[in-house]
Amino acid sequence: MATGLFSSSSSRKRNGGAVDASIEDQLHEIREDIAQLVALIADRGVEASREVKAKASSTRKHAESDLKDLLENGEQMLSDLRSRYADTEREVRRAVREHPVATLGAAAAIGLIAAALLRR
């Protein structure tokens, strides 16, 4: 006779405790399978979490290194600009000292051109 889950109630009554025991066994097996799945999912979650943390740490270290390089390059560029500005300032002062009349004439010409452009 059939003792499955979908067998008739009359056959269940005849078999009595055998059907209940079979169902209990099946339920126990299902619970064990679910527990194993939960443990497997938890293990995979822990492993994935470790991988993500390692990648994040690596990315953070790489970003910090890149930022440090960028700051060093920026400081070097700023230093170069200051040096160029100081050199240009020295050249302008030297030119004014060597040619004061020409410098005054150039300044007057620039002023006249600026005034003519602003009137329009």
C-alpha atoms as a PDB file:
ATOM      1  CA  MET A   1       0.000   0.000   0.000  1.00  0.00           C
ATOM      2  CA  ALA A   2       1.037   3.549  -0.556  1.00  0.00           C
ATOM      3  CA  THR A   3       2.397   5.345   2.472  1.00  0.00           C
ATOM      4  CA  GLY A   4       3.307   8.581   0.688  1.00  0.00           C
ATOM      5  CA  LEU A   5       2.296  12.054   1.573  1.00  0.00           C
ATOM      6  CA  PHE A   6      -0.700  12.028  -0.768  1.00  0.00           C
ATOM      7  CA  SER A   7      -2.129   8.648   0.076  1.00  0.00           C
ATOM      8  CA  SER A   8      -5.750   8.404   1.186  1.00  0.00           C
ATOM      9  CA  SER A   9      -6.789   8.933   4.756  1.00  0.00           C
ATOM     10  CA  SER A  10      -8.021   5.356   5.039  1.00  0.00           C
ATOM     11  CA  SER A  11      -4.577   4.022   4.232  1.00  0.00           C
ATOM     12  CA  ARG A  12      -3.068   6.411   6.742  1.00  0.00           C
ATOM     13  CA  LYS A  13      -5.431   5.125   9.400  1.00  0.00           C
ATOM     14  CA  ARG A  14      -4.471   1.550   8.603  1.00  0.00           C
ATOM     15  CA  ASN A  15      -0.753   2.248   8.736  1.00  0.00           C
ATOM     16  CA  GLY A  16      -1.185   4.418  11.804  1.00  0.00           C
ATOM     17  CA  GLY A  17       2.127   5.524  13.247  1.00  0.00           C
ATOM     18  CA  ALA A  18       4.150   4.500  10.177  1.00  0.00           C
ATOM     19  CA  VAL A  19       2.808   7.426   8.149  1.00  0.00           C
ATOM     20  CA  ASP A  20       3.405   9.894  10.959  1.00  0.00           C
ATOM     21  CA  ALA A  21       6.921   8.558  11.433  1.00  0.00           C
ATOM     22  CA  SER A  22       7.587   8.853   7.707  1.00  0.00           C
ATOM     23  CA  ILE A  23       6.400  12.465   7.683  1.00  0.00           C
ATOM     24  CA  GLU A  24       8.465  13.234  10.769  1.00  0.00           C
ATOM     25  CA  ASP A  25      11.526  11.699   9.103  1.00  0.00           C
ATOM     26  CA  GLN A  26      10.942  13.759   5.971  1.00  0.00           C
ATOM     27  CA  LEU A  27      10.473  16.922   8.015  1.00  0.00           C
ATOM     28  CA  HIS A  28      13.658  16.162   9.931  1.00  0.00           C
ATOM     29  CA  GLU A  29      15.573  15.679   6.649  1.00  0.00           C
ATOM     30  CA  ILE A  30      14.171  18.952   5.268  1.00  0.00           C
ATOM     31  CA  ARG A  31      15.192  20.787   8.429  1.00  0.00           C
ATOM     32  CA  GLU A  32      18.709  19.360   8.182  1.00  0.00           C
ATOM     33  CA  ASP A  33      18.920  20.378   4.503  1.00  0.00           C
ATOM     34  CA  ILE A  34      17.761  23.898   5.356  1.00  0.00           C
ATOM     35  CA  ALA A  35      20.302  24.111   8.178  1.00  0.00           C
ATOM     36  CA  GLN A  36      23.054  22.998   5.799  1.00  0.00           C
ATOM     37  CA  LEU A  37      21.946  25.587   3.218  1.00  0.00           C
ATOM     38  CA  VAL A  38      21.911  28.320   5.848  1.00  0.00           C
ATOM     39  CA  ALA A  39      25.414  27.342   6.988  1.00  0.00           C
ATOM     40  CA  LEU A  40      26.645  27.269   3.381  1.00  0.00           C
ATOM     41  CA  ILE A  41      25.136  30.694   2.655  1.00  0.00           C
ATOM     42  CA  ALA A  42      26.653  32.091   5.854  1.00  0.00           C
ATOM     43  CA  ASP A  43      30.086  30.730   4.920  1.00  0.00           C
ATOM     44  CA  ARG A  44      29.849  32.213   1.444  1.00  0.00           C
ATOM     45  CA  GLY A  45      28.718  35.515   2.915  1.00  0.00           C
ATOM     46  CA  VAL A  46      31.710  35.609   5.241  1.00  0.00           C
ATOM     47  CA  GLU A  47      34.035  34.761   2.349  1.00  0.00           C
ATOM     48  CA  ALA A  48      32.489  37.441   0.115  1.00  0.00           C
ATOM     49  CA  SER A  49      32.736  39.953   2.948  1.00  0.00           C
ATOM     50  CA  ARG A  50      36.446  39.223   3.363  1.00  0.00           C
ATOM     51  CA  GLU A  51      37.032  39.618  -0.365  1.00  0.00           C
ATOM     52  CA  VAL A  52      35.187  42.952  -0.451  1.00  0.00           C
ATOM     53  CA  LYS A  53      37.115  44.216   2.576  1.00  0.00           C
ATOM     54  CA  ALA A  54      40.413  43.203   0.982  1.00  0.00           C
ATOM     55  CA  LYS A  55      39.509  44.936  -2.287  1.00  0.00           C
ATOM     56  CA  ALA A  56      38.358  48.041  -0.433  1.00  0.00           C
ATOM     57  CA  SER A  57      41.580  48.151   1.550  1.00  0.00           C
ATOM     58  CA  SER A  58      43.643  47.746  -1.615  1.00  0.00           C
ATOM     59  CA  THR A  59      41.635  50.454  -3.382  1.00  0.00           C
ATOM     60  CA  ARG A  60      41.982  52.787  -0.406  1.00  0.00           C
ATOM     61  CA  LYS A  61      45.751  52.285  -0.292  1.00  0.00           C
ATOM     62  CA  HIS A  62      45.981  52.877  -4.035  1.00  0.00           C
ATOM     63  CA  ALA A  63      43.846  56.025  -3.769  1.00  0.00           C
ATOM     64  CA  GLU A  64      45.940  57.342  -0.884  1.00  0.00           C
ATOM     65  CA  SER A  65      49.106  56.728  -2.892  1.00  0.00           C
ATOM     66  CA  ASP A  66      47.641  58.505  -5.930  1.00  0.00           C
ATOM     67  CA  LEU A  67      46.508  61.441  -3.783  1.00  0.00           C
ATOM     68  CA  LYS A  68      49.948  61.703  -2.216  1.00  0.00           C
ATOM     69  CA  ASP A  69      51.551  61.733  -5.692  1.00  0.00           C
ATOM     70  CA  LEU A  70      49.056  64.351  -6.854  1.00  0.00           C
ATOM     71  CA  LEU A  71      49.799  66.583  -3.867  1.00  0.00           C
ATOM     72  CA  GLU A  72      53.541  66.250  -4.402  1.00  0.00           C
ATOM     73  CA  ASN A  73      53.150  67.137  -8.090  1.00  0.00           C
ATOM     74  CA  GLY A  74      50.924  70.086  -7.195  1.00  0.00           C
ATOM     75  CA  GLU A  75      53.464  71.365  -4.693  1.00  0.00           C
ATOM     76  CA  GLN A  76      56.218  71.026  -7.295  1.00  0.00           C
ATOM     77  CA  MET A  77      54.141  72.928  -9.876  1.00  0.00           C
ATOM     78  CA  LEU A  78      53.408  75.673  -7.348  1.00  0.00           C
ATOM     79  CA  SER A  79      57.094  75.937  -6.534  1.00  0.00           C
ATOM     80  CA  ASP A  80      57.909  76.188 -10.267  1.00  0.00           C
ATOM     81  CA  LEU A  81      55.282  78.923 -10.746  1.00  0.00           C
ATOM     82  CA  ARG A  82      56.658  80.902  -7.824  1.00  0.00           C
ATOM     83  CA  SER A  83      60.151  80.609  -9.243  1.00  0.00           C
ATOM     84  CA  ARG A  84      58.985  81.758 -12.689  1.00  0.00           C
ATOM     85  CA  TYR A  85      57.049  84.655 -11.169  1.00  0.00           C
ATOM     86  CA  ALA A  86      60.135  85.756  -9.210  1.00  0.00           C
ATOM     87  CA  ASP A  87      62.280  85.507 -12.375  1.00  0.00           C
ATOM     88  CA  THR A  88      59.758  87.550 -14.375  1.00  0.00           C
ATOM     89  CA  GLU A  89      59.571  90.164 -11.626  1.00  0.00           C
ATOM     90  CA  ARG A  90      63.369  90.494 -11.643  1.00  0.00           C
ATOM     91  CA  GLU A  91      63.388  90.867 -15.445  1.00  0.00           C
ATOM     92  CA  VAL A  92      60.708  93.589 -15.366  1.00  0.00           C
ATOM     93  CA  ARG A  93      62.572  95.531 -12.667  1.00  0.00           C
ATOM     94  CA  ARG A  94      65.818  95.227 -14.610  1.00  0.00           C
ATOM     95  CA  ALA A  95      64.139  96.432 -17.821  1.00  0.00           C
ATOM     96  CA  VAL A  96      62.594  99.426 -16.023  1.00  0.00           C
ATOM     97  CA  ARG A  97      65.956 100.371 -14.520  1.00  0.00           C
ATOM     98  CA  GLU A  98      67.794 100.065 -17.823  1.00  0.00           C
ATOM     99  CA  HIS A  99      65.140 101.811 -19.961  1.00  0.00           C
ATOM    100  CA  PRO A 100      63.034 104.144 -17.768  1.00  0.00           C
ATOM    101  CA  VAL A 101      61.919 106.451 -20.617  1.00  0.00           C
ATOM    102  CA  ALA A 102      60.880 103.573 -22.888  1.00  0.00           C
ATOM    103  CA  THR A 103      58.982 101.976 -20.004  1.00  0.00           C
ATOM    104  CA  LEU A 104      57.136 105.237 -19.303  1.00  0.00           C
ATOM    105  CA  GLY A 105      56.282 105.612 -23.012  1.00  0.00           C
ATOM    106  CA  ALA A 106      55.014 102.022 -23.201  1.00  0.00           C
ATOM    107  CA  ALA A 107      52.874 102.539 -20.097  1.00  0.00           C
ATOM    108  CA  ALA A 108      51.438 105.782 -21.544  1.00  0.00           C
ATOM    109  CA  ALA A 109      50.680 104.071 -24.877  1.00  0.00           C
ATOM    110  CA  ILE A 110      48.939 101.174 -23.109  1.00  0.00           C
ATOM    111  CA  GLY A 111      46.915 103.670 -21.053  1.00  0.00           C
ATOM    112  CA  LEU A 112      45.822 105.599 -24.175  1.00  0.00           C
ATOM    113  CA  ILE A 113      44.789 102.382 -25.955  1.00  0.00           C
ATOM    114  CA  ALA A 114      42.845 101.192 -22.900  1.00  0.00           C
ATOM    115  CA  ALA A 115      41.082 104.587 -22.597  1.00  0.00           C
ATOM    116  CA  ALA A 116      40.178 104.551 -26.309  1.00  0.00           C
ATOM    117  CA  LEU A 117      38.750 101.033 -26.043  1.00  0.00           C
ATOM    118  CA  LEU A 118      36.752 101.835 -22.922  1.00  0.00           C
ATOM    119  CA  ARG A 119      35.130 104.925 -24.517  1.00  0.00           C
ATOM    120  CA  ARG A 120      33.478 102.834 -27.235  1.00  0.00           C
END
